[in-house]
PDB file of N, CA and C in Angstrom:
ATOM      1  N   MET A   1     -34.758 -13.406  20.339  1.00  0.00           N
ATOM      2  CA  MET A   1     -35.020 -12.001  20.115  1.00  0.00           C
ATOM      3  C   MET A   1     -34.140 -11.136  21.021  1.00  0.00           C
ATOM      4  N   ARG A   2     -34.007 -11.575  22.274  1.00  0.00           N
ATOM      5  CA  ARG A   2     -33.201 -10.816  23.227  1.00  0.00           C
ATOM      6  C   ARG A   2     -31.740 -10.730  22.772  1.00  0.00           C
ATOM      7  N   ALA A   3     -31.221 -11.833  22.228  1.00  0.00           N
ATOM      8  CA  ALA A   3     -29.842 -11.842  21.729  1.00  0.00           C
ATOM      9  C   ALA A   3     -29.683 -10.869  20.568  1.00  0.00           C
ATOM     10  N   LEU A   4     -30.679 -10.776  19.716  1.00  0.00           N
ATOM     11  CA  LEU A   4     -30.652  -9.857  18.588  1.00  0.00           C
ATOM     12  C   LEU A   4     -30.610  -8.407  19.063  1.00  0.00           C
ATOM     13  N   ILE A   5     -31.389  -8.095  20.077  1.00  0.00           N
ATOM     14  CA  ILE A   5     -31.409  -6.741  20.637  1.00  0.00           C
ATOM     15  C   ILE A   5     -30.042  -6.409  21.246  1.00  0.00           C
ATOM     16  N   CYS A   6     -29.461  -7.357  21.981  1.00  0.00           N
ATOM     17  CA  CYS A   6     -28.135  -7.141  22.576  1.00  0.00           C
ATOM     18  C   CYS A   6     -27.083  -6.925  21.496  1.00  0.00           C
ATOM     19  N   ALA A   7     -27.135  -7.727  20.446  1.00  0.00           N
ATOM     20  CA  ALA A   7     -26.167  -7.589  19.354  1.00  0.00           C
ATOM     21  C   ALA A   7     -26.314  -6.230  18.675  1.00  0.00           C
ATOM     22  N   ALA A   8     -27.540  -5.783  18.464  1.00  0.00           N
ATOM     23  CA  ALA A   8     -27.775  -4.475  17.844  1.00  0.00           C
ATOM     24  C   ALA A   8     -27.254  -3.353  18.732  1.00  0.00           C
ATOM     25  N   ALA A   9     -27.447  -3.484  20.031  1.00  0.00           N
ATOM     26  CA  ALA A   9     -26.961  -2.463  20.965  1.00  0.00           C
ATOM     27  C   ALA A   9     -25.438  -2.416  20.956  1.00  0.00           C
ATOM     28  N   MET A  10     -24.793  -3.580  20.911  1.00  0.00           N
ATOM     29  CA  MET A  10     -23.332  -3.611  20.868  1.00  0.00           C
ATOM     30  C   MET A  10     -22.806  -3.012  19.576  1.00  0.00           C
ATOM     31  N   LEU A  11     -23.450  -3.304  18.469  1.00  0.00           N
ATOM     32  CA  LEU A  11     -23.050  -2.746  17.184  1.00  0.00           C
ATOM     33  C   LEU A  11     -23.199  -1.237  17.189  1.00  0.00           C
ATOM     34  N   ALA A  12     -24.266  -0.738  17.767  1.00  0.00           N
ATOM     35  CA  ALA A  12     -24.478   0.706  17.846  1.00  0.00           C
ATOM     36  C   ALA A  12     -23.398   1.361  18.694  1.00  0.00           C
ATOM     37  N   ALA A  13     -23.013   0.720  19.768  1.00  0.00           N
ATOM     38  CA  ALA A  13     -21.966   1.271  20.642  1.00  0.00           C
ATOM     39  C   ALA A  13     -20.632   1.310  19.918  1.00  0.00           C
ATOM     40  N   VAL A  14     -20.300   0.252  19.182  1.00  0.00           N
ATOM     41  CA  VAL A  14     -19.052   0.222  18.423  1.00  0.00           C
ATOM     42  C   VAL A  14     -19.080   1.284  17.348  1.00  0.00           C
ATOM     43  N   SER A  15     -20.197   1.416  16.646  1.00  0.00           N
ATOM     44  CA  SER A  15     -20.308   2.414  15.594  1.00  0.00           C
ATOM     45  C   SER A  15     -20.155   3.817  16.151  1.00  0.00           C
ATOM     46  N   ALA A  16     -20.738   4.057  17.304  1.00  0.00           N
ATOM     47  CA  ALA A  16     -20.663   5.387  17.903  1.00  0.00           C
ATOM     48  C   ALA A  16     -19.236   5.711  18.300  1.00  0.00           C
ATOM     49  N   SER A  17     -18.492   4.739  18.828  1.00  0.00           N
ATOM     50  CA  SER A  17     -17.131   5.015  19.246  1.00  0.00           C
ATOM     51  C   SER A  17     -16.179   5.114  18.061  1.00  0.00           C
ATOM     52  N   ALA A  18     -16.579   4.625  16.896  1.00  0.00           N
ATOM     53  CA  ALA A  18     -15.727   4.654  15.726  1.00  0.00           C
ATOM     54  C   ALA A  18     -15.943   5.898  14.876  1.00  0.00           C
ATOM     55  N   ALA A  19     -16.751   6.801  15.329  1.00  0.00           N
ATOM     56  CA  ALA A  19     -17.007   8.024  14.571  1.00  0.00           C
ATOM     57  C   ALA A  19     -15.827   8.973  14.715  1.00  0.00           C
ATOM     58  N   PRO A  20     -15.530   9.740  13.656  1.00  0.00           N
ATOM     59  CA  PRO A  20     -14.476  10.741  13.778  1.00  0.00           C
ATOM     60  C   PRO A  20     -14.810  11.731  14.884  1.00  0.00           C
ATOM     61  N   PRO A  21     -13.781  12.371  15.443  1.00  0.00           N
ATOM     62  CA  PRO A  21     -14.056  13.339  16.499  1.00  0.00           C
ATOM     63  C   PRO A  21     -14.892  14.508  15.977  1.00  0.00           C
ATOM     64  N   GLU A  22     -15.615  15.120  16.870  1.00  0.00           N
ATOM     65  CA  GLU A  22     -16.440  16.264  16.504  1.00  0.00           C
ATOM     66  C   GLU A  22     -15.555  17.339  15.880  1.00  0.00           C
ATOM     67  N   GLY A  23     -15.996  17.898  14.769  1.00  0.00           N
ATOM     68  CA  GLY A  23     -15.257  18.957  14.093  1.00  0.00           C
ATOM     69  C   GLY A  23     -14.097  18.456  13.252  1.00  0.00           C
ATOM     70  N   ALA A  24     -14.011  17.139  13.031  1.00  0.00           N
ATOM     71  CA  ALA A  24     -12.911  16.580  12.236  1.00  0.00           C
ATOM     72  C   ALA A  24     -12.997  17.093  10.799  1.00  0.00           C
ATOM     73  N   ASP A  25     -11.854  17.390  10.227  1.00  0.00           N
ATOM     74  CA  ASP A  25     -11.768  17.873   8.852  1.00  0.00           C
ATOM     75  C   ASP A  25     -11.652  16.671   7.918  1.00  0.00           C
ATOM     76  N   PRO A  26     -12.676  16.379   7.118  1.00  0.00           N
ATOM     77  CA  PRO A  26     -12.619  15.208   6.235  1.00  0.00           C
ATOM     78  C   PRO A  26     -11.481  15.289   5.221  1.00  0.00           C
ATOM     79  N   ALA A  27     -10.979  16.477   4.945  1.00  0.00           N
ATOM     80  CA  ALA A  27      -9.862  16.616   4.007  1.00  0.00           C
ATOM     81  C   ALA A  27      -8.588  15.974   4.563  1.00  0.00           C
ATOM     82  N   LEU A  28      -8.528  15.783   5.881  1.00  0.00           N
ATOM     83  CA  LEU A  28      -7.351  15.165   6.503  1.00  0.00           C
ATOM     84  C   LEU A  28      -7.431  13.642   6.532  1.00  0.00           C
ATOM     85  N   ALA A  29      -8.565  13.090   6.148  1.00  0.00           N
ATOM     86  CA  ALA A  29      -8.750  11.635   6.199  1.00  0.00           C
ATOM     87  C   ALA A  29      -7.646  10.867   5.464  1.00  0.00           C
ATOM     88  N   PRO A  30      -7.219  11.284   4.265  1.00  0.00           N
ATOM     89  CA  PRO A  30      -6.139  10.536   3.596  1.00  0.00           C
ATOM     90  C   PRO A  30      -4.834  10.526   4.404  1.00  0.00           C
ATOM     91  N   TRP A  31      -4.521  11.630   5.074  1.00  0.00           N
ATOM     92  CA  TRP A  31      -3.308  11.649   5.894  1.00  0.00           C
ATOM     93  C   TRP A  31      -3.436  10.655   7.041  1.00  0.00           C
ATOM     94  N   PHE A  32      -4.568  10.673   7.735  1.00  0.00           N
ATOM     95  CA  PHE A  32      -4.778   9.724   8.833  1.00  0.00           C
ATOM     96  C   PHE A  32      -4.688   8.289   8.326  1.00  0.00           C
ATOM     97  N   GLN A  33      -5.263   8.024   7.161  1.00  0.00           N
ATOM     98  CA  GLN A  33      -5.244   6.674   6.606  1.00  0.00           C
ATOM     99  C   GLN A  33      -3.842   6.256   6.171  1.00  0.00           C
ATOM    100  N   SER A  34      -2.937   7.211   5.954  1.00  0.00           N
ATOM    101  CA  SER A  34      -1.565   6.891   5.551  1.00  0.00           C
ATOM    102  C   SER A  34      -0.689   6.488   6.729  1.00  0.00           C
ATOM    103  N   LEU A  35      -1.165   6.677   7.948  1.00  0.00           N
ATOM    104  CA  LEU A  35      -0.360   6.350   9.124  1.00  0.00           C
ATOM    105  C   LEU A  35      -0.240   4.840   9.277  1.00  0.00           C
ATOM    106  N   ARG A  36       0.993   4.371   9.401  1.00  0.00           N
ATOM    107  CA  ARG A  36       1.285   2.938   9.517  1.00  0.00           C
ATOM    108  C   ARG A  36       2.114   2.681  10.764  1.00  0.00           C
ATOM    109  N   GLN A  37       1.816   1.601  11.447  1.00  0.00           N
ATOM    110  CA  GLN A  37       2.541   1.248  12.659  1.00  0.00           C
ATOM    111  C   GLN A  37       3.987   0.908  12.314  1.00  0.00           C
ATOM    112  N   PRO A  38       4.926   1.467  13.073  1.00  0.00           N
ATOM    113  CA  PRO A  38       6.332   1.157  12.820  1.00  0.00           C
ATOM    114  C   PRO A  38       6.599  -0.341  12.967  1.00  0.00           C
ATOM    115  N   GLY A  39       7.443  -0.851  12.104  1.00  0.00           N
ATOM    116  CA  GLY A  39       7.818  -2.261  12.193  1.00  0.00           C
ATOM    117  C   GLY A  39       6.892  -3.207  11.472  1.00  0.00           C
ATOM    118  N   THR A  40       5.587  -2.972  11.546  1.00  0.00           N
ATOM    119  CA  THR A  40       4.646  -3.910  10.932  1.00  0.00           C
ATOM    120  C   THR A  40       4.018  -3.363   9.654  1.00  0.00           C
ATOM    121  N   GLY A  41       3.934  -2.051   9.544  1.00  0.00           N
ATOM    122  CA  GLY A  41       3.272  -1.456   8.389  1.00  0.00           C
ATOM    123  C   GLY A  41       1.762  -1.544   8.460  1.00  0.00           C
ATOM    124  N   THR A  42       1.252  -2.077   9.560  1.00  0.00           N
ATOM    125  CA  THR A  42      -0.186  -2.191   9.760  1.00  0.00           C
ATOM    126  C   THR A  42      -0.780  -0.797   9.947  1.00  0.00           C
ATOM    127  N   SER A  43      -1.963  -0.601   9.449  1.00  0.00           N
ATOM    128  CA  SER A  43      -2.625   0.689   9.579  1.00  0.00           C
ATOM    129  C   SER A  43      -2.795   1.077  11.047  1.00  0.00           C
ATOM    130  N   CYS A  44      -2.601   2.348  11.317  1.00  0.00           N
ATOM    131  CA  CYS A  44      -2.861   2.871  12.669  1.00  0.00           C
ATOM    132  C   CYS A  44      -4.353   3.076  12.856  1.00  0.00           C
ATOM    133  N   CYS A  45      -5.094   2.695  11.907  1.00  0.00           N
ATOM    134  CA  CYS A  45      -6.545   2.808  11.844  1.00  0.00           C
ATOM    135  C   CYS A  45      -6.921   4.036  11.061  1.00  0.00           C
ATOM    136  N   SER A  46      -7.832   4.806  11.561  1.00  0.00           N
ATOM    137  CA  SER A  46      -8.366   5.892  10.746  1.00  0.00           C
ATOM    138  C   SER A  46      -8.575   7.123  11.593  1.00  0.00           C
ATOM    139  N   MET A  47      -9.217   8.082  10.997  1.00  0.00           N
ATOM    140  CA  MET A  47      -9.545   9.320  11.681  1.00  0.00           C
ATOM    141  C   MET A  47     -10.389   9.039  12.927  1.00  0.00           C
ATOM    142  N   ALA A  48     -11.103   7.929  12.928  1.00  0.00           N
ATOM    143  CA  ALA A  48     -11.967   7.599  14.063  1.00  0.00           C
ATOM    144  C   ALA A  48     -11.160   7.178  15.290  1.00  0.00           C
ATOM    145  N   ASP A  49      -9.961   6.617  15.090  1.00  0.00           N
ATOM    146  CA  ASP A  49      -9.151   6.154  16.206  1.00  0.00           C
ATOM    147  C   ASP A  49      -8.036   7.128  16.572  1.00  0.00           C
ATOM    148  N   CYS A  50      -7.797   8.110  15.721  1.00  0.00           N
ATOM    149  CA  CYS A  50      -6.708   9.054  15.927  1.00  0.00           C
ATOM    150  C   CYS A  50      -7.273  10.403  16.345  1.00  0.00           C
ATOM    151  N   ARG A  51      -6.604  11.012  17.301  1.00  0.00           N
ATOM    152  CA  ARG A  51      -7.054  12.292  17.833  1.00  0.00           C
ATOM    153  C   ARG A  51      -5.865  13.217  18.033  1.00  0.00           C
ATOM    154  N   ALA A  52      -6.092  14.495  17.827  1.00  0.00           N
ATOM    155  CA  ALA A  52      -5.099  15.489  18.228  1.00  0.00           C
ATOM    156  C   ALA A  52      -5.045  15.455  19.747  1.00  0.00           C
ATOM    157  N   THR A  53      -3.856  15.628  20.289  1.00  0.00           N
ATOM    158  CA  THR A  53      -3.696  15.508  21.730  1.00  0.00           C
ATOM    159  C   THR A  53      -2.605  16.438  22.234  1.00  0.00           C
ATOM    160  N   ASP A  54      -2.628  16.699  23.508  1.00  0.00           N
ATOM    161  CA  ASP A  54      -1.514  17.365  24.162  1.00  0.00           C
ATOM    162  C   ASP A  54      -0.494  16.289  24.479  1.00  0.00           C
ATOM    163  N   TYR A  55       0.763  16.683  24.515  1.00  0.00           N
ATOM    164  CA  TYR A  55       1.798  15.733  24.895  1.00  0.00           C
ATOM    165  C   TYR A  55       2.891  16.454  25.656  1.00  0.00           C
ATOM    166  N   ARG A  56       3.695  15.673  26.325  1.00  0.00           N
ATOM    167  CA  ARG A  56       4.835  16.227  27.044  1.00  0.00           C
ATOM    168  C   ARG A  56       5.971  15.209  26.964  1.00  0.00           C
ATOM    169  N   THR A  57       7.154  15.688  27.253  1.00  0.00           N
ATOM    170  CA  THR A  57       8.297  14.789  27.279  1.00  0.00           C
ATOM    171  C   THR A  57       8.677  14.521  28.724  1.00  0.00           C
ATOM    172  N   ASP A  58       9.176  13.334  28.940  1.00  0.00           N
ATOM    173  CA  ASP A  58       9.684  12.939  30.252  1.00  0.00           C
ATOM    174  C   ASP A  58      11.009  12.240  29.986  1.00  0.00           C
ATOM    175  N   GLY A  59      12.099  12.999  30.082  1.00  0.00           N
ATOM    176  CA  GLY A  59      13.393  12.462  29.687  1.00  0.00           C
ATOM    177  C   GLY A  59      13.413  12.280  28.184  1.00  0.00           C
ATOM    178  N   ASP A  60      13.640  11.055  27.730  1.00  0.00           N
ATOM    179  CA  ASP A  60      13.656  10.796  26.289  1.00  0.00           C
ATOM    180  C   ASP A  60      12.388  10.079  25.820  1.00  0.00           C
ATOM    181  N   SER A  61      11.345  10.126  26.623  1.00  0.00           N
ATOM    182  CA  SER A  61      10.076   9.501  26.223  1.00  0.00           C
ATOM    183  C   SER A  61       8.972  10.545  26.143  1.00  0.00           C
ATOM    184  N   TYR A  62       7.877  10.140  25.526  1.00  0.00           N
ATOM    185  CA  TYR A  62       6.714  11.006  25.369  1.00  0.00           C
ATOM    186  C   TYR A  62       5.559  10.472  26.200  1.00  0.00           C
ATOM    187  N   GLU A  63       4.717  11.394  26.626  1.00  0.00           N
ATOM    188  CA  GLU A  63       3.456  11.045  27.267  1.00  0.00           C
ATOM    189  C   GLU A  63       2.360  11.800  26.535  1.00  0.00           C
ATOM    190  N   ALA A  64       1.273  11.110  26.224  1.00  0.00           N
ATOM    191  CA  ALA A  64       0.131  11.715  25.528  1.00  0.00           C
ATOM    192  C   ALA A  64      -1.042  11.802  26.493  1.00  0.00           C
ATOM    193  N   LEU A  65      -1.801  12.870  26.372  1.00  0.00           N
ATOM    194  CA  LEU A  65      -2.989  13.036  27.205  1.00  0.00           C
ATOM    195  C   LEU A  65      -4.149  12.299  26.543  1.00  0.00           C
ATOM    196  N   ILE A  66      -4.561  11.211  27.182  1.00  0.00           N
ATOM    197  CA  ILE A  66      -5.652  10.385  26.665  1.00  0.00           C
ATOM    198  C   ILE A  66      -6.703  10.258  27.748  1.00  0.00           C
ATOM    199  N   GLU A  67      -7.913  10.679  27.421  1.00  0.00           N
ATOM    200  CA  GLU A  67      -9.033  10.622  28.359  1.00  0.00           C
ATOM    201  C   GLU A  67      -8.652  11.195  29.726  1.00  0.00           C
ATOM    202  N   ASN A  68      -8.067  12.378  29.684  1.00  0.00           N
ATOM    203  CA  ASN A  68      -7.718  13.155  30.889  1.00  0.00           C
ATOM    204  C   ASN A  68      -6.654  12.517  31.771  1.00  0.00           C
ATOM    205  N   ARG A  69      -5.813  11.651  31.201  1.00  0.00           N
ATOM    206  CA  ARG A  69      -4.684  11.132  31.977  1.00  0.00           C
ATOM    207  C   ARG A  69      -3.477  10.993  31.054  1.00  0.00           C
ATOM    208  N   TRP A  70      -2.296  11.143  31.632  1.00  0.00           N
ATOM    209  CA  TRP A  70      -1.052  11.040  30.868  1.00  0.00           C
ATOM    210  C   TRP A  70      -0.675   9.574  30.703  1.00  0.00           C
ATOM    211  N   VAL A  71      -0.438   9.172  29.453  1.00  0.00           N
ATOM    212  CA  VAL A  71      -0.103   7.792  29.124  1.00  0.00           C
ATOM    213  C   VAL A  71       1.254   7.781  28.424  1.00  0.00           C
ATOM    214  N   VAL A  72       2.158   6.940  28.887  1.00  0.00           N
ATOM    215  CA  VAL A  72       3.474   6.820  28.260  1.00  0.00           C
ATOM    216  C   VAL A  72       3.316   6.223  26.866  1.00  0.00           C
ATOM    217  N   VAL A  73       3.956   6.859  25.890  1.00  0.00           N
ATOM    218  CA  VAL A  73       3.905   6.373  24.512  1.00  0.00           C
ATOM    219  C   VAL A  73       5.055   5.379  24.323  1.00  0.00           C
ATOM    220  N   PRO A  74       4.742   4.128  23.980  1.00  0.00           N
ATOM    221  CA  PRO A  74       5.820   3.158  23.734  1.00  0.00           C
ATOM    222  C   PRO A  74       6.719   3.651  22.587  1.00  0.00           C
ATOM    223  N   GLN A  75       8.013   3.511  22.757  1.00  0.00           N
ATOM    224  CA  GLN A  75       8.968   3.977  21.744  1.00  0.00           C
ATOM    225  C   GLN A  75       8.680   3.396  20.362  1.00  0.00           C
ATOM    226  N   ASP A  76       8.221   2.149  20.311  1.00  0.00           N
ATOM    227  CA  ASP A  76       7.984   1.519  19.013  1.00  0.00           C
ATOM    228  C   ASP A  76       6.683   1.966  18.352  1.00  0.00           C
ATOM    229  N   LYS A  77       5.962   2.886  18.967  1.00  0.00           N
ATOM    230  CA  LYS A  77       4.721   3.395  18.381  1.00  0.00           C
ATOM    231  C   LYS A  77       4.875   4.827  17.866  1.00  0.00           C
ATOM    232  N   ILE A  78       6.070   5.398  18.026  1.00  0.00           N
ATOM    233  CA  ILE A  78       6.314   6.773  17.593  1.00  0.00           C
ATOM    234  C   ILE A  78       6.681   6.783  16.116  1.00  0.00           C
ATOM    235  N   LEU A  79       5.893   7.505  15.335  1.00  0.00           N
ATOM    236  CA  LEU A  79       6.172   7.633  13.905  1.00  0.00           C
ATOM    237  C   LEU A  79       7.113   8.814  13.698  1.00  0.00           C
ATOM    238  N   GLN A  80       8.101   8.627  12.875  1.00  0.00           N
ATOM    239  CA  GLN A  80       9.064   9.694  12.581  1.00  0.00           C
ATOM    240  C   GLN A  80       8.593  10.454  11.348  1.00  0.00           C
ATOM    241  N   ARG A  81       7.477  11.152  11.494  1.00  0.00           N
ATOM    242  CA  ARG A  81       6.885  11.896  10.379  1.00  0.00           C
ATOM    243  C   ARG A  81       7.039  13.380  10.632  1.00  0.00           C
ATOM    244  N   VAL A  82       7.267  14.121   9.574  1.00  0.00           N
ATOM    245  CA  VAL A  82       7.374  15.574   9.696  1.00  0.00           C
ATOM    246  C   VAL A  82       6.258  16.274   8.922  1.00  0.00           C
ATOM    247  N   ASP A  83       5.343  15.489   8.391  1.00  0.00           N
ATOM    248  CA  ASP A  83       4.271  16.047   7.558  1.00  0.00           C
ATOM    249  C   ASP A  83       2.931  16.116   8.279  1.00  0.00           C
ATOM    250  N   ASN A  84       2.945  16.376   9.564  1.00  0.00           N
ATOM    251  CA  ASN A  84       1.706  16.414  10.348  1.00  0.00           C
ATOM    252  C   ASN A  84       0.928  17.696  10.034  1.00  0.00           C
ATOM    253  N   PRO A  85      -0.181  17.592   9.310  1.00  0.00           N
ATOM    254  CA  PRO A  85      -0.929  18.789   8.914  1.00  0.00           C
ATOM    255  C   PRO A  85      -1.886  19.315   9.991  1.00  0.00           C
ATOM    256  N   THR A  86      -1.971  18.633  11.121  1.00  0.00           N
ATOM    257  CA  THR A  86      -2.941  19.046  12.142  1.00  0.00           C
ATOM    258  C   THR A  86      -2.433  20.186  13.009  1.00  0.00           C
ATOM    259  N   GLY A  87      -1.114  20.342  13.086  1.00  0.00           N
ATOM    260  CA  GLY A  87      -0.549  21.375  13.945  1.00  0.00           C
ATOM    261  C   GLY A  87      -0.428  20.946  15.401  1.00  0.00           C
ATOM    262  N   ARG A  88      -0.902  19.762  15.727  1.00  0.00           N
ATOM    263  CA  ARG A  88      -0.832  19.220  17.092  1.00  0.00           C
ATOM    264  C   ARG A  88      -0.334  17.789  17.027  1.00  0.00           C
ATOM    265  N   ALA A  89       0.061  17.267  18.169  1.00  0.00           N
ATOM    266  CA  ALA A  89       0.423  15.851  18.215  1.00  0.00           C
ATOM    267  C   ALA A  89      -0.824  15.021  17.949  1.00  0.00           C
ATOM    268  N   VAL A  90      -0.632  13.842  17.414  1.00  0.00           N
ATOM    269  CA  VAL A  90      -1.745  12.941  17.106  1.00  0.00           C
ATOM    270  C   VAL A  90      -1.447  11.584  17.731  1.00  0.00           C
ATOM    271  N   VAL A  91      -2.434  11.045  18.426  1.00  0.00           N
ATOM    272  CA  VAL A  91      -2.316   9.702  18.986  1.00  0.00           C
ATOM    273  C   VAL A  91      -3.460   8.853  18.433  1.00  0.00           C
ATOM    274  N   CYS A  92      -3.105   7.658  17.971  1.00  0.00           N
ATOM    275  CA  CYS A  92      -4.101   6.696  17.505  1.00  0.00           C
ATOM    276  C   CYS A  92      -4.211   5.652  18.610  1.00  0.00           C
ATOM    277  N   TRP A  93      -5.399   5.537  19.161  1.00  0.00           N
ATOM    278  CA  TRP A  93      -5.588   4.771  20.387  1.00  0.00           C
ATOM    279  C   TRP A  93      -6.995   4.206  20.451  1.00  0.00           C
ATOM    280  N   THR A  94      -7.098   3.000  20.989  1.00  0.00           N
ATOM    281  CA  THR A  94      -8.400   2.438  21.339  1.00  0.00           C
ATOM    282  C   THR A  94      -8.267   1.819  22.727  1.00  0.00           C
ATOM    283  N   PRO A  95      -9.362   1.729  23.474  1.00  0.00           N
ATOM    284  CA  PRO A  95      -9.273   1.121  24.806  1.00  0.00           C
ATOM    285  C   PRO A  95      -8.763  -0.318  24.770  1.00  0.00           C
ATOM    286  N   MET A  96      -9.102  -1.052  23.738  1.00  0.00           N
ATOM    287  CA  MET A  96      -8.712  -2.466  23.661  1.00  0.00           C
ATOM    288  C   MET A  96      -7.267  -2.653  23.212  1.00  0.00           C
ATOM    289  N   ARG A  97      -6.795  -1.806  22.290  1.00  0.00           N
ATOM    290  CA  ARG A  97      -5.466  -1.996  21.708  1.00  0.00           C
ATOM    291  C   ARG A  97      -4.416  -1.062  22.289  1.00  0.00           C
ATOM    292  N   GLY A  98      -4.831  -0.051  23.018  1.00  0.00           N
ATOM    293  CA  GLY A  98      -3.881   0.922  23.548  1.00  0.00           C
ATOM    294  C   GLY A  98      -3.383   1.836  22.440  1.00  0.00           C
ATOM    295  N   ILE A  99      -2.187   2.404  22.629  1.00  0.00           N
ATOM    296  CA  ILE A  99      -1.615   3.311  21.632  1.00  0.00           C
ATOM    297  C   ILE A  99      -1.086   2.490  20.468  1.00  0.00           C
ATOM    298  N   MET A 100      -1.560   2.821  19.280  1.00  0.00           N
ATOM    299  CA  MET A 100      -1.115   2.140  18.072  1.00  0.00           C
ATOM    300  C   MET A 100      -0.069   2.971  17.338  1.00  0.00           C
ATOM    301  N   CYS A 101      -0.228   4.309  17.390  1.00  0.00           N
ATOM    302  CA  CYS A 101       0.706   5.214  16.722  1.00  0.00           C
ATOM    303  C   CYS A 101       0.672   6.574  17.416  1.00  0.00           C
ATOM    304  N   PHE A 102       1.805   7.270  17.319  1.00  0.00           N
ATOM    305  CA  PHE A 102       1.910   8.614  17.873  1.00  0.00           C
ATOM    306  C   PHE A 102       2.746   9.441  16.907  1.00  0.00           C
ATOM    307  N   VAL A 103       2.248  10.627  16.581  1.00  0.00           N
ATOM    308  CA  VAL A 103       2.970  11.560  15.705  1.00  0.00           C
ATOM    309  C   VAL A 103       3.119  12.864  16.463  1.00  0.00           C
ATOM    310  N   ARG A 104       4.368  13.314  16.584  1.00  0.00           N
ATOM    311  CA  ARG A 104       4.606  14.591  17.258  1.00  0.00           C
ATOM    312  C   ARG A 104       4.009  15.735  16.449  1.00  0.00           C
ATOM    313  N   ALA A 105       3.804  16.850  17.106  1.00  0.00           N
ATOM    314  CA  ALA A 105       3.372  18.060  16.408  1.00  0.00           C
ATOM    315  C   ALA A 105       4.500  18.511  15.482  1.00  0.00           C
ATOM    316  N   SER A 106       4.140  19.168  14.402  1.00  0.00           N
ATOM    317  CA  SER A 106       5.153  19.690  13.495  1.00  0.00           C
ATOM    318  C   SER A 106       5.999  20.717  14.226  1.00  0.00           C
ATOM    319  N   GLU A 107       7.280  20.630  14.047  1.00  0.00           N
ATOM    320  CA  GLU A 107       8.187  21.582  14.685  1.00  0.00           C
ATOM    321  C   GLU A 107       8.698  22.537  13.633  1.00  0.00           C
ATOM    322  N   THR A 108       8.317  23.797  13.795  1.00  0.00           N
ATOM    323  CA  THR A 108       8.754  24.806  12.803  1.00  0.00           C
ATOM    324  C   THR A 108       9.502  25.918  13.484  1.00  0.00           C
TER     325      THR A 108
END
């Protein structure tokens, strides 16, 4: 019984962390789902793993603000997309996998 309770608690924690961010626009879900990791074509996950973020450049690299700290974005995770409808940079990230994809803000 104790193992069942622990498993249920872990499932609840995973489910809670996989929820889209507060105020997420469900109309953007197809765009988030279209994001693919460079080189592999593997999904960057979904709206639940991707967040609008602040970013900065450091020389020829990018840093994304994740959980209140600046994280270097690996060059092979930067998507060369110009169709970002969010108006901000987007980083797809999980604590276990790190940065899976990064999309710069639209430049107009």
